[in-house]
């Protein structure tokens, strides 16, 4: 049983290797073959989409089905020309967002996050979550559906000016877009941007001055293409460890994940209130949030106007009737920004589910909460990790103290173990029996060093997820040469420091009873860990090296104390 410790250490080594492989998937350079691979699935297997009678057949293929039996339909599925992105965009600049709006449909086709550079070295290039065209097209559309006149995402809006900027004294910007059918139906689509906020209110105000009642619904949808991998830590990568796909939230089912490749074979279709839809990626996401009291119809669709699949997630509101001379406001919100964990639940219930910690959520969420609270005091994520390590060490102090006392006693028994080896030679069975009797007499637990290692594994992995999934730590600096805790140590100081702590710890660890192969494995461990930690984020290695240093100090103190008392 004493041989179990090296096996556990090797298990941890293998686990670290697998995690390194996953890290490479995120931050390693993708091959050209991966970049050229397109996502399987087209709309050829999906049923024809009924088209409202007022919609031109050339542009209605990505419109939702109108929720009314009064609407006439055609059985064919029309096509849609690819957006060129050459039209002039209306731009809105706040303190956190720079948004581009296409007057065709009032569609949001660009969203630059001004606080988030793609790379620290080129800080002026910001993360842009949306794109109007190309193989990575990603847009946020909204409109109205009706058998009568109504503006959808293919309609042309009018505006008084093409540029809006949030003033220093202003708290919000209102961007009005107008549409009129010429027969009494007038719609003002107003987009409201607020200081410091990533959620945009989208309001359709319909005034009915026509001779007939107007009946229709509001809809929102996210539409994107998915064909390439990227290594920028924040964009599309279908094979990454972090969830990349469509997400729906409902109070009963909570967060339902839908992979893009599932949309063509199993389209999503549900109706519920109090929910929202989203497209989620590493660090960032985009979501349409309808009014919580309305029962929305949520669905997915694959649409291929040019042979390249586009994935659509949409919500359609209940039918509303607007009488002659009356008006009605349709309202929803679009969130386009980072996964800021402290703010998401304030934006909408359940929005925190977009942060993906995987199966280690039960450990990662408390770790992040503790880490965040420490950061609110010290103001530096590196020092926060150091203090978190100290707190974890204090939490398991008694456990590790018992471990080190057991190891110190075993260290004292090494001369007697060497005598047993000389006495029994190659008779390993009799030697093991004699050693176990000696351990029992001396009240030494040979497995005392295993439990702390087992305890540290879930904490290690949970912190790994926190570092890689928490946008709050993205590109966070520490001190001196470590300017990004989520990137590897550029000079490998922390991996080398960790190796030094491990080597010194080995000198205090009894190796009696181990065969030569086990000793070699133990001697190789610091080198192996240093090699793998060289590719790990600096914040994770900072935790592990700090833990190793504290463990070394604790073990040295206890060993010296026991030997002095002998």
Protein backbone atom coordinates (compact mmCIF):
# COMPACT_ATOMS: atom_id res chain seq x y z
CA UNK A 1 0.00 0.00 0.00
CA UNK A 2 2.94 2.32 0.54
CA UNK A 3 3.50 2.14 -3.21
CA UNK A 4 0.18 3.87 -3.85
CA UNK A 5 1.61 7.37 -3.48
CA UNK A 6 3.73 7.32 -6.68
CA UNK A 7 0.74 5.93 -8.57
CA UNK A 8 -1.39 8.84 -7.40
CA UNK A 9 1.33 11.28 -8.36
CA UNK A 10 1.54 9.72 -11.80
CA UNK A 11 -2.23 10.04 -12.06
CA UNK A 12 -1.92 13.73 -11.32
CA UNK A 13 0.83 13.97 -13.92
CA UNK A 14 -1.41 12.33 -16.53
CA UNK A 15 -4.28 14.59 -15.56
CA UNK A 16 -2.04 17.64 -15.94
CA UNK A 17 -1.03 16.42 -19.38
CA UNK A 18 -4.64 16.10 -20.47
CA UNK A 19 -5.32 19.61 -19.23
CA UNK A 20 -2.31 20.85 -21.17
CA UNK A 21 -3.76 19.23 -24.31
CA UNK A 22 -7.02 21.11 -23.69
CA UNK A 23 -5.07 24.34 -23.18
CA UNK A 24 -3.38 23.81 -26.54
CA UNK A 25 -6.80 23.44 -28.15
CA UNK A 26 -7.65 26.93 -26.98
CA UNK A 27 -4.39 28.77 -27.44
CA UNK A 28 -2.35 26.64 -29.82
CA UNK A 29 -2.22 27.65 -33.46
CA UNK A 30 -4.92 25.84 -35.46
CA UNK A 31 -3.90 23.93 -38.52
CA UNK A 32 -4.84 25.07 -42.00
CA UNK A 33 -6.98 22.01 -42.33
CA UNK A 34 -9.01 23.05 -39.32
CA UNK A 35 -9.40 26.55 -40.69
CA UNK A 36 -10.70 25.23 -43.97
CA UNK A 37 -13.17 22.81 -42.44
CA UNK A 38 -16.78 23.89 -42.68
CA UNK A 39 -19.49 22.94 -40.25
CA UNK A 40 -21.73 20.19 -41.51
CA UNK A 41 -25.44 20.73 -41.96
CA UNK A 42 -27.64 22.76 -44.30
CA UNK A 43 -31.23 23.76 -44.41
CA UNK A 44 -32.08 21.24 -47.11
CA UNK A 45 -33.50 18.84 -44.54
CA UNK A 46 -35.59 21.49 -42.77
CA UNK A 47 -39.24 22.02 -43.69
CA UNK A 48 -40.30 24.98 -45.85
CA UNK A 49 -40.90 28.16 -43.90
CA UNK A 50 -44.27 29.88 -44.34
CA UNK A 51 -43.80 33.49 -45.46
CA UNK A 52 -46.11 36.38 -44.49
CA UNK A 53 -47.93 37.69 -47.56
CA UNK A 54 -46.40 41.16 -47.37
CA UNK A 55 -42.82 39.84 -47.52
CA UNK A 56 -40.94 39.73 -50.85
CA UNK A 57 -40.02 36.13 -51.64
CA UNK A 58 -36.41 37.12 -52.31
CA UNK A 59 -35.77 38.11 -48.71
CA UNK A 60 -38.00 36.03 -46.44
CA UNK A 61 -36.07 32.79 -46.01
CA UNK A 62 -34.70 33.63 -42.57
CA UNK A 63 -37.91 35.14 -41.18
CA UNK A 64 -39.79 33.26 -38.46
CA UNK A 65 -43.24 31.82 -38.99
CA UNK A 66 -45.90 34.32 -38.05
CA UNK A 67 -48.09 33.13 -35.23
CA UNK A 68 -51.48 33.65 -36.86
CA UNK A 69 -53.78 31.56 -39.02
CA UNK A 70 -54.86 34.67 -40.92
CA UNK A 71 -51.48 34.98 -42.61
CA UNK A 72 -51.26 33.50 -46.06
CA UNK A 73 -48.19 31.45 -46.92
CA UNK A 74 -46.34 30.01 -49.82
CA UNK A 75 -44.94 26.43 -49.76
CA UNK A 76 -41.55 27.29 -51.21
CA UNK A 77 -38.52 28.34 -49.19
CA UNK A 78 -37.10 31.52 -50.74
CA UNK A 79 -33.48 32.51 -50.89
CA UNK A 80 -31.68 35.52 -49.49
CA UNK A 81 -28.80 37.43 -50.98
CA UNK A 82 -25.65 37.49 -48.86
CA UNK A 83 -25.11 40.75 -47.00
CA UNK A 84 -22.10 42.53 -48.45
CA UNK A 85 -21.39 44.77 -45.49
CA UNK A 86 -20.69 47.64 -47.92
CA UNK A 87 -23.62 49.85 -46.86
CA UNK A 88 -22.96 52.79 -44.56
CA UNK A 89 -23.56 51.96 -40.92
CA UNK A 90 -25.08 54.10 -38.22
CA UNK A 91 -22.55 54.13 -35.38
CA UNK A 92 -23.20 54.50 -31.67
CA UNK A 93 -20.32 54.98 -29.22
CA UNK A 94 -20.72 54.71 -25.45
CA UNK A 95 -18.10 54.36 -22.74
CA UNK A 96 -18.02 50.55 -23.20
CA UNK A 97 -19.43 49.84 -26.67
CA UNK A 98 -19.01 50.92 -30.26
CA UNK A 99 -21.96 49.55 -32.22
CA UNK A 100 -22.64 49.50 -35.95
CA UNK A 101 -26.30 49.45 -37.08
CA UNK A 102 -27.45 48.65 -40.60
CA UNK A 103 -30.49 50.73 -41.59
CA UNK A 104 -31.77 47.68 -43.42
CA UNK A 105 -33.81 46.21 -40.59
CA UNK A 106 -32.06 48.24 -37.91
CA UNK A 107 -29.83 45.18 -37.53
CA UNK A 108 -26.85 45.36 -35.18
CA UNK A 109 -23.93 44.10 -37.25
CA UNK A 110 -20.91 45.25 -35.24
CA UNK A 111 -20.18 45.46 -31.51
CA UNK A 112 -16.68 46.43 -30.40
CA UNK A 113 -15.99 46.05 -26.67
CA UNK A 114 -13.87 49.08 -25.84
CA UNK A 115 -12.45 47.65 -22.59
CA UNK A 116 -11.32 44.36 -24.15
CA UNK A 117 -8.38 44.33 -26.59
CA UNK A 118 -7.86 41.19 -28.62
CA UNK A 119 -4.20 41.18 -27.58
CA UNK A 120 -2.34 43.24 -24.98
CA UNK A 121 0.44 43.98 -27.46
CA UNK A 122 -2.02 45.67 -29.85
CA UNK A 123 -4.40 47.32 -27.41
CA UNK A 124 -6.12 49.51 -30.01
CA UNK A 125 -7.67 46.45 -31.70
CA UNK A 126 -10.75 45.60 -29.65
CA UNK A 127 -12.81 42.44 -29.47
CA UNK A 128 -15.68 42.68 -31.98
CA UNK A 129 -18.43 40.17 -31.23
CA UNK A 130 -20.51 40.79 -34.36
CA UNK A 131 -19.73 40.87 -38.07
CA UNK A 132 -21.98 41.86 -40.96
CA UNK A 133 -20.60 39.50 -43.60
CA UNK A 134 -18.03 36.90 -44.48
CA UNK A 135 -17.49 33.35 -43.23
CA UNK A 136 -17.89 34.45 -39.60
CA UNK A 137 -21.02 36.55 -40.08
CA UNK A 138 -22.79 37.16 -36.74
CA UNK A 139 -25.67 39.64 -36.46
CA UNK A 140 -28.52 40.51 -34.08
CA UNK A 141 -31.85 41.03 -35.84
CA UNK A 142 -35.29 42.13 -34.68
CA UNK A 143 -38.57 43.23 -36.20
CA UNK A 144 -42.33 42.81 -36.38
CA UNK A 145 -44.41 40.10 -38.06
CA UNK A 146 -47.87 40.69 -39.47
CA UNK A 147 -50.18 39.71 -42.29
CA UNK A 148 -50.54 43.46 -42.74
CA UNK A 149 -47.75 45.99 -43.13
CA UNK A 150 -44.86 45.64 -40.64
CA UNK A 151 -41.10 46.30 -40.68
CA UNK A 152 -38.84 43.28 -40.30
CA UNK A 153 -35.07 42.87 -40.56
CA UNK A 154 -35.24 43.36 -44.33
CA UNK A 155 -37.11 46.68 -44.19
CA UNK A 156 -35.41 50.03 -44.73
CA UNK A 157 -35.48 52.52 -41.85
CA UNK A 158 -34.89 56.26 -41.92
CA UNK A 159 -32.76 58.26 -39.49
CA UNK A 160 -31.85 61.91 -38.93
CA UNK A 161 -28.14 61.27 -38.38
CA UNK A 162 -25.61 58.48 -38.76
CA UNK A 163 -23.44 58.97 -35.68
CA UNK A 164 -24.24 59.08 -31.95
CA UNK A 165 -21.77 59.49 -29.08
CA UNK A 166 -22.48 59.34 -25.35
CA UNK A 167 -21.63 62.71 -23.86
CA UNK A 168 -19.63 63.02 -20.66
CA UNK A 169 -22.67 64.31 -18.76
CA UNK A 170 -25.18 61.95 -20.36
CA UNK A 171 -26.34 58.62 -18.94
CA UNK A 172 -27.95 57.24 -22.09
CA UNK A 173 -28.32 57.59 -25.85
CA UNK A 174 -31.61 57.08 -27.69
CA UNK A 175 -31.31 56.20 -31.37
CA UNK A 176 -34.67 56.50 -33.23
CA UNK A 177 -35.21 54.78 -36.57
CA UNK A 178 -38.48 55.32 -38.42
CA UNK A 179 -40.50 53.31 -40.92
CA UNK A 180 -43.81 54.07 -42.62
CA UNK A 181 -45.83 51.97 -45.05
CA UNK A 182 -47.55 55.02 -46.57
CA UNK A 183 -51.00 53.76 -45.56
CA UNK A 184 -51.16 54.71 -41.91
CA UNK A 185 -48.81 52.22 -40.19
CA UNK A 186 -45.91 54.05 -38.61
CA UNK A 187 -43.16 52.35 -36.57
CA UNK A 188 -40.33 53.94 -34.59
CA UNK A 189 -37.58 51.51 -33.65
CA UNK A 190 -35.66 53.05 -30.74
CA UNK A 191 -32.37 51.62 -29.48
CA UNK A 192 -31.43 52.80 -25.98
CA UNK A 193 -27.80 52.60 -24.81
CA UNK A 194 -26.86 53.31 -21.18
CA UNK A 195 -23.57 54.32 -19.60
CA UNK A 196 -21.51 51.37 -18.40
CA UNK A 197 -24.06 48.84 -19.70
CA UNK A 198 -23.76 46.11 -22.29
CA UNK A 199 -27.53 45.52 -22.59
CA UNK A 200 -29.34 47.58 -25.23
CA UNK A 201 -33.09 48.21 -25.02
CA UNK A 202 -34.81 47.75 -28.40
CA UNK A 203 -38.29 49.28 -28.55
CA UNK A 204 -40.73 49.14 -31.49
CA UNK A 205 -43.51 51.74 -31.15
CA UNK A 206 -46.29 51.05 -33.65
CA UNK A 207 -48.97 53.66 -34.40
CA UNK A 208 -51.99 52.50 -36.37
CA UNK A 209 -53.62 55.25 -38.44
CA UNK A 210 -54.77 52.84 -41.12
CA UNK A 211 -58.47 52.05 -41.73
CA UNK A 212 -58.12 48.53 -40.25
CA UNK A 213 -56.98 46.94 -37.00
CA UNK A 214 -53.37 45.75 -37.03
CA UNK A 215 -52.39 42.33 -35.69
CA UNK A 216 -48.83 41.07 -35.29
CA UNK A 217 -45.91 39.91 -33.16
CA UNK A 218 -42.41 41.00 -32.23
CA UNK A 219 -39.42 38.75 -32.94
CA UNK A 220 -35.70 38.72 -32.20
CA UNK A 221 -33.03 36.43 -33.55
CA UNK A 222 -29.29 35.86 -33.56
CA UNK A 223 -27.82 34.62 -36.83
CA UNK A 224 -24.27 33.48 -37.40
CA UNK A 225 -22.00 31.34 -39.53
CA UNK A 226 -19.56 28.92 -37.89
CA UNK A 227 -16.72 27.53 -39.98
CA UNK A 228 -13.31 28.32 -38.48
CA UNK A 229 -11.21 27.92 -35.36
CA UNK A 230 -9.41 30.86 -33.83
CA UNK A 231 -6.67 31.06 -31.24
CA UNK A 232 -7.43 34.50 -29.83
CA UNK A 233 -9.01 33.31 -26.60
CA UNK A 234 -12.36 34.87 -27.30
CA UNK A 235 -13.82 33.88 -30.63
CA UNK A 236 -15.25 30.94 -32.48
CA UNK A 237 -13.83 27.50 -31.86
CA UNK A 238 -16.36 24.67 -31.96
CA UNK A 239 -13.89 22.21 -30.44
CA UNK A 240 -12.85 24.30 -27.46
CA UNK A 241 -13.33 23.16 -23.90
CA UNK A 242 -15.63 26.12 -23.12
CA UNK A 243 -19.19 25.80 -24.39
CA UNK A 244 -19.62 27.30 -27.84
CA UNK A 245 -23.14 27.24 -29.17
CA UNK A 246 -26.74 28.27 -28.57
CA UNK A 247 -28.25 28.56 -25.13
CA UNK A 248 -31.85 28.87 -23.98
CA UNK A 249 -32.88 29.67 -20.43
CA UNK A 250 -36.26 28.87 -18.86
CA UNK A 251 -37.25 28.85 -15.19
CA UNK A 252 -38.12 25.14 -15.28
CA UNK A 253 -35.31 23.65 -17.41
CA UNK A 254 -32.68 26.29 -16.54
CA UNK A 255 -29.88 26.56 -19.10
CA UNK A 256 -30.29 24.31 -22.15
CA UNK A 257 -27.26 24.00 -24.40
CA UNK A 258 -27.68 23.39 -28.12
CA UNK A 259 -24.58 22.65 -30.20
CA UNK A 260 -24.57 24.17 -33.66
CA UNK A 261 -24.28 20.77 -35.31
CA UNK A 262 -27.49 19.66 -33.55
CA UNK A 263 -29.64 22.40 -35.02
CA UNK A 264 -30.22 20.77 -38.43
CA UNK A 265 -31.05 17.33 -37.00
CA UNK A 266 -32.97 18.38 -33.89
CA UNK A 267 -34.36 21.93 -34.16
CA UNK A 268 -35.21 23.46 -30.80
CA UNK A 269 -38.83 24.51 -30.27
CA UNK A 270 -40.35 25.50 -26.93
CA UNK A 271 -42.62 28.16 -25.45
CA UNK A 272 -42.13 29.63 -21.99
CA UNK A 273 -42.00 32.89 -20.07
CA UNK A 274 -39.19 34.32 -17.95
CA UNK A 275 -36.46 33.15 -20.32
CA UNK A 276 -34.00 34.28 -22.97
CA UNK A 277 -31.87 33.00 -25.85
CA UNK A 278 -28.16 33.38 -26.43
CA UNK A 279 -25.13 32.45 -28.48
CA UNK A 280 -22.23 31.73 -26.13
CA UNK A 281 -18.49 31.62 -26.66
CA UNK A 282 -15.33 31.88 -24.59
CA UNK A 283 -15.42 34.93 -22.27
CA UNK A 284 -18.25 36.65 -24.18
CA UNK A 285 -21.83 36.10 -25.32
CA UNK A 286 -24.79 37.72 -27.03
CA UNK A 287 -28.37 37.30 -25.81
CA UNK A 288 -31.88 38.49 -26.61
CA UNK A 289 -33.89 39.01 -23.42
CA UNK A 290 -37.66 39.39 -24.01
CA UNK A 291 -40.01 40.79 -21.34
CA UNK A 292 -40.05 38.24 -18.51
CA UNK A 293 -43.87 38.17 -18.22
CA UNK A 294 -44.47 37.24 -21.87
CA UNK A 295 -44.69 33.67 -23.11
CA UNK A 296 -42.30 33.55 -26.04
CA UNK A 297 -41.93 30.91 -28.75
CA UNK A 298 -38.25 29.92 -28.96
CA UNK A 299 -36.79 27.99 -31.90
CA UNK A 300 -33.67 27.30 -33.95
CA UNK A 301 -33.13 27.04 -37.70
CA UNK A 302 -30.33 26.33 -40.15
CA UNK A 303 -30.44 28.61 -43.16
CA UNK A 304 -28.15 28.34 -46.19
CA UNK A 305 -28.76 31.13 -48.70
CA UNK A 306 -25.36 30.63 -50.34
CA UNK A 307 -24.49 27.04 -49.44
CA UNK A 308 -22.78 28.18 -46.24
CA UNK A 309 -24.89 27.29 -43.20
CA UNK A 310 -26.14 30.02 -40.90
CA UNK A 311 -27.49 29.11 -37.49
CA UNK A 312 -30.47 31.04 -36.18
CA UNK A 313 -31.84 31.22 -32.64
CA UNK A 314 -35.04 33.24 -32.28
CA UNK A 315 -37.90 34.27 -30.04
CA UNK A 316 -41.38 35.31 -31.20
CA UNK A 317 -43.80 37.15 -28.91
CA UNK A 318 -47.54 36.49 -28.55
CA UNK A 319 -49.89 38.07 -31.05
CA UNK A 320 -50.98 41.65 -30.29
CA UNK A 321 -53.89 43.54 -31.84
CA UNK A 322 -53.65 47.32 -32.27
CA UNK A 323 -56.91 49.08 -33.01
CA UNK A 324 -57.41 51.95 -35.42
CA UNK A 325 -56.00 55.11 -33.87
CA UNK A 326 -54.15 53.19 -31.17
CA UNK A 327 -50.46 52.51 -30.59
CA UNK A 328 -48.42 49.74 -28.93
CA UNK A 329 -44.85 49.35 -27.68
CA UNK A 330 -42.92 46.12 -28.23
CA UNK A 331 -39.77 45.93 -26.12
CA UNK A 332 -36.86 43.57 -25.56
CA UNK A 333 -33.16 43.82 -24.66
CA UNK A 334 -30.00 42.73 -26.41
CA UNK A 335 -26.93 41.89 -24.31
CA UNK A 336 -23.67 41.91 -26.22
CA UNK A 337 -20.60 41.78 -24.03
CA UNK A 338 -18.44 39.92 -21.51
CA UNK A 339 -19.48 37.31 -18.94
CA UNK A 340 -19.15 39.63 -15.94
CA UNK A 341 -20.25 37.28 -13.18
CA UNK A 342 -21.09 39.93 -10.58
CA UNK A 343 -23.52 41.71 -12.92
CA UNK A 344 -25.20 39.06 -15.05
CA UNK A 345 -28.00 38.12 -12.65
CA UNK A 346 -28.93 41.78 -12.38
CA UNK A 347 -29.40 41.93 -16.15
CA UNK A 348 -31.70 38.88 -16.28
CA UNK A 349 -32.43 35.82 -14.12
CA UNK A 350 -30.22 32.87 -15.01
CA UNK A 351 -27.79 34.85 -17.17
CA UNK A 352 -24.95 33.66 -14.94
CA UNK A 353 -25.33 30.19 -16.50
CA UNK A 354 -23.44 31.46 -19.54
CA UNK A 355 -20.25 31.16 -17.46
CA UNK A 356 -19.17 27.60 -18.14
CA UNK A 357 -17.13 25.89 -15.41
CA UNK A 358 -18.12 22.42 -16.57
CA UNK A 359 -18.51 19.57 -14.09
CA UNK A 360 -16.32 21.41 -11.57
CA UNK A 361 -18.84 24.24 -11.12
CA UNK A 362 -19.47 23.11 -7.53
CA UNK A 363 -15.82 23.94 -6.72
CA UNK A 364 -15.17 26.73 -9.22
CA UNK A 365 -18.04 29.02 -8.26
CA UNK A 366 -17.07 29.19 -4.55
CA UNK A 367 -13.41 29.63 -5.55
CA UNK A 368 -14.29 32.50 -7.86
CA UNK A 369 -16.53 34.08 -5.21
CA UNK A 370 -13.71 33.95 -2.66
CA UNK A 371 -11.13 35.11 -5.19
CA UNK A 372 -13.36 38.00 -6.26
CA UNK A 373 -13.92 39.15 -2.69
CA UNK A 374 -10.19 39.09 -2.01
CA UNK A 375 -9.62 41.06 -5.21
CA UNK A 376 -12.11 43.71 -4.08
CA UNK A 377 -9.76 44.37 -1.15
CA UNK A 378 -6.28 44.01 -2.66
CA UNK A 379 -7.07 45.14 -6.22
CA UNK A 380 -4.70 42.69 -7.94
CA UNK A 381 -5.65 39.23 -9.19
CA UNK A 382 -2.12 37.85 -8.69
CA UNK A 383 -2.02 38.82 -5.02
CA UNK A 384 -5.59 37.53 -4.74
CA UNK A 385 -4.42 34.10 -5.95
CA UNK A 386 -1.58 34.15 -3.43
CA UNK A 387 -3.93 34.99 -0.56
CA UNK A 388 -6.45 32.41 -1.78
CA UNK A 389 -3.69 29.80 -1.66
CA UNK A 390 -2.87 30.77 1.91
CA UNK A 391 -6.55 30.50 2.91
CA UNK A 392 -6.85 27.07 1.29
CA UNK A 393 -3.67 26.00 3.06
CA UNK A 394 -5.09 27.15 6.40
CA UNK A 395 -8.35 25.34 5.68
CA UNK A 396 -6.50 22.04 5.24
CA UNK A 397 -3.80 22.79 7.80
CA UNK A 398 -4.75 19.99 10.21
CA UNK A 399 -5.00 17.49 7.39
CA UNK A 400 -1.58 18.30 6.01
CA UNK A 401 -0.13 18.52 9.52
CA UNK A 402 -1.16 14.92 10.15
CA UNK A 403 0.35 13.99 6.78
CA UNK A 404 3.70 15.61 7.54
CA UNK A 405 3.84 14.13 11.05
CA UNK A 406 3.30 10.69 9.54
CA UNK A 407 6.00 11.34 6.94
CA UNK A 408 8.41 12.63 9.60
CA UNK A 409 7.91 9.45 11.63
CA UNK A 410 8.48 7.36 8.51
CA UNK A 411 11.67 9.31 7.91
CA UNK A 412 12.88 8.26 11.36
CA UNK A 413 12.06 4.63 10.50
CA UNK A 414 14.20 4.57 7.37
CA UNK A 415 17.24 2.93 9.04
CA UNK A 416 15.02 0.12 10.36
CA UNK A 417 13.41 -0.29 6.93
CA UNK A 418 16.88 -0.66 5.39
CA UNK A 419 17.62 -3.38 7.93
CA UNK A 420 14.43 -5.21 6.91
CA UNK A 421 15.50 -5.02 3.27
CA UNK A 422 18.86 -6.59 4.15
CA UNK A 423 17.16 -9.27 6.23
CA UNK A 424 14.49 -10.36 3.75
CA UNK A 425 16.31 -9.59 0.51
CA UNK A 426 14.07 -10.32 -2.47
CA UNK A 427 11.23 -11.83 -0.41
CA UNK A 428 8.91 -8.87 -0.96
CA UNK A 429 5.88 -10.51 0.64
CA UNK A 430 7.63 -11.12 4.00
CA UNK A 431 9.23 -7.68 3.86
CA UNK A 432 5.84 -5.99 3.27
CA UNK A 433 4.34 -7.90 6.19
CA UNK A 434 7.23 -6.87 8.44
CA UNK A 435 6.93 -3.23 7.36
CA UNK A 436 3.19 -3.17 8.03
CA UNK A 437 3.76 -4.64 11.50
CA UNK A 438 6.35 -1.95 12.18
CA UNK A 439 3.98 0.80 10.94
CA UNK A 440 1.25 -0.57 13.18
CA UNK A 441 3.55 -0.68 16.22
CA UNK A 442 4.91 2.83 15.61
CA UNK A 443 1.43 4.18 14.71
CA UNK A 444 2.52 5.39 11.29
CA UNK A 445 0.10 5.65 8.36
CA UNK A 446 2.00 4.91 5.12
CA UNK A 447 -0.88 6.41 3.10
CA UNK A 448 -0.80 9.68 5.02
CA UNK A 449 0.70 11.52 2.06
CA UNK A 450 -2.02 10.49 -0.40
CA UNK A 451 -5.09 12.26 0.97
CA UNK A 452 -3.76 15.84 0.66
CA UNK A 453 -2.87 15.13 -2.98
CA UNK A 454 -6.39 13.83 -3.64
CA UNK A 455 -7.85 16.93 -1.97
CA UNK A 456 -5.74 19.27 -4.08
CA UNK A 457 -6.70 17.74 -7.44
CA UNK A 458 -10.30 19.12 -7.59
CA UNK A 459 -9.13 22.49 -6.25
CA UNK A 460 -6.36 22.59 -8.87
CA UNK A 461 -8.78 21.79 -11.71
CA UNK A 462 -11.47 24.13 -10.36
CA UNK A 463 -8.98 27.01 -10.28
CA UNK A 464 -7.90 26.09 -13.81
CA UNK A 465 -11.50 26.62 -14.95
CA UNK A 466 -11.78 29.87 -13.02
CA UNK A 467 -8.64 31.24 -14.67
CA UNK A 468 -9.66 30.22 -18.18
CA UNK A 469 -13.40 30.95 -18.06
CA UNK A 470 -13.56 34.12 -15.94
CA UNK A 471 -13.34 37.16 -18.19
CA UNK A 472 -12.50 39.21 -15.09
CA UNK A 473 -9.05 37.56 -15.07
CA UNK A 474 -8.56 37.80 -18.84
CA UNK A 475 -5.23 39.55 -19.51
CA UNK A 476 -4.98 40.54 -15.82
CA UNK A 477 -1.44 41.64 -14.78
CA UNK A 478 0.42 40.60 -11.63
CA UNK A 479 3.90 42.08 -11.02
CA UNK A 480 7.13 42.65 -12.93
CA UNK A 481 7.37 40.25 -15.88
CA UNK A 482 3.94 38.66 -15.41
CA UNK A 483 1.61 41.00 -17.30
CA UNK A 484 -1.05 38.39 -18.09
CA UNK A 485 -2.11 35.77 -15.55
CA UNK A 486 -4.07 33.83 -18.18
CA UNK A 487 -0.99 33.44 -20.40
CA UNK A 488 2.10 31.38 -19.68
CA UNK A 489 5.02 32.81 -17.72
CA UNK A 490 7.18 34.32 -20.50
CA UNK A 491 10.44 33.62 -18.65
CA UNK A 492 9.37 30.35 -16.98
CA UNK A 493 10.31 31.67 -13.54
CA UNK A 494 7.27 30.22 -11.78
CA UNK A 495 7.65 26.70 -13.27
CA UNK A 496 11.33 26.64 -12.23
CA UNK A 497 10.48 27.94 -8.76
CA UNK A 498 7.84 25.23 -8.40
CA UNK A 499 10.39 22.59 -9.45
CA UNK A 500 12.84 23.85 -6.82
CA UNK A 501 10.19 23.59 -4.11
CA UNK A 502 9.32 20.05 -5.24
CA UNK A 503 12.98 18.96 -5.18
CA UNK A 504 13.51 20.33 -1.68
CA UNK A 505 10.31 18.63 -0.55
CA UNK A 506 11.58 15.31 -1.90
CA UNK A 507 14.63 15.59 0.32
CA UNK A 508 12.30 15.63 3.34
CA UNK A 509 10.14 12.79 2.00
CA UNK A 510 11.03 9.23 3.09
CA UNK A 511 11.72 6.93 0.15
CA UNK A 512 12.49 3.76 2.10
CA UNK A 513 10.52 0.83 0.77
CA UNK A 514 10.42 2.18 -2.77
CA UNK A 515 12.02 0.21 -5.53
CA UNK A 516 14.56 1.93 -7.83
CA UNK A 517 11.94 2.60 -10.53
CA UNK A 518 9.69 4.40 -8.07
CA UNK A 519 12.58 6.51 -6.86
CA UNK A 520 13.38 7.51 -10.43
CA UNK A 521 9.76 8.44 -11.03
CA UNK A 522 9.75 10.61 -7.92
CA UNK A 523 12.99 12.27 -9.02
CA UNK A 524 11.54 12.94 -12.47
CA UNK A 525 8.35 14.54 -11.13
CA UNK A 526 9.74 18.10 -10.65
CA UNK A 527 11.13 18.09 -14.18
CA UNK A 528 7.90 16.72 -15.65
CA UNK A 529 5.73 19.22 -13.80
CA UNK A 530 8.01 22.10 -14.78
CA UNK A 531 7.78 21.16 -18.44
CA UNK A 532 3.97 21.07 -18.39
CA UNK A 533 3.61 24.13 -16.19
CA UNK A 534 5.64 26.03 -18.76
CA UNK A 535 2.53 25.91 -20.99
CA UNK A 536 -0.01 26.59 -18.24
CA UNK A 537 -1.44 30.04 -17.42
CA UNK A 538 0.81 31.91 -15.02
CA UNK A 539 -2.01 32.32 -12.50
CA UNK A 540 -2.41 28.56 -12.15
CA UNK A 541 1.35 28.00 -11.76
CA UNK A 542 1.41 30.85 -9.24
CA UNK A 543 -1.15 28.97 -7.14
CA UNK A 544 0.70 25.66 -7.40
CA UNK A 545 4.15 27.14 -6.69
CA UNK A 546 2.82 29.09 -3.70
CA UNK A 547 1.15 25.95 -2.39
CA UNK A 548 4.38 23.98 -2.90
CA UNK A 549 6.39 26.64 -1.03
CA UNK A 550 3.96 26.72 1.90
CA UNK A 551 3.91 22.91 2.03
CA UNK A 552 7.71 22.80 2.05
CA UNK A 553 7.87 25.26 4.94
CA UNK A 554 5.23 23.36 6.92
CA UNK A 555 6.88 19.98 6.31
CA UNK A 556 10.34 21.31 7.20
CA UNK A 557 9.04 22.78 10.48
CA UNK A 558 7.18 19.62 11.54
CA UNK A 559 10.05 17.31 10.54
CA UNK A 560 12.58 19.40 12.45
CA UNK A 561 10.29 19.51 15.49
CA UNK A 562 9.80 15.73 15.59
CA UNK A 563 13.47 14.98 15.02
CA UNK A 564 14.43 17.41 17.81
CA UNK A 565 12.05 15.66 20.20
CA UNK A 566 13.53 12.23 19.48
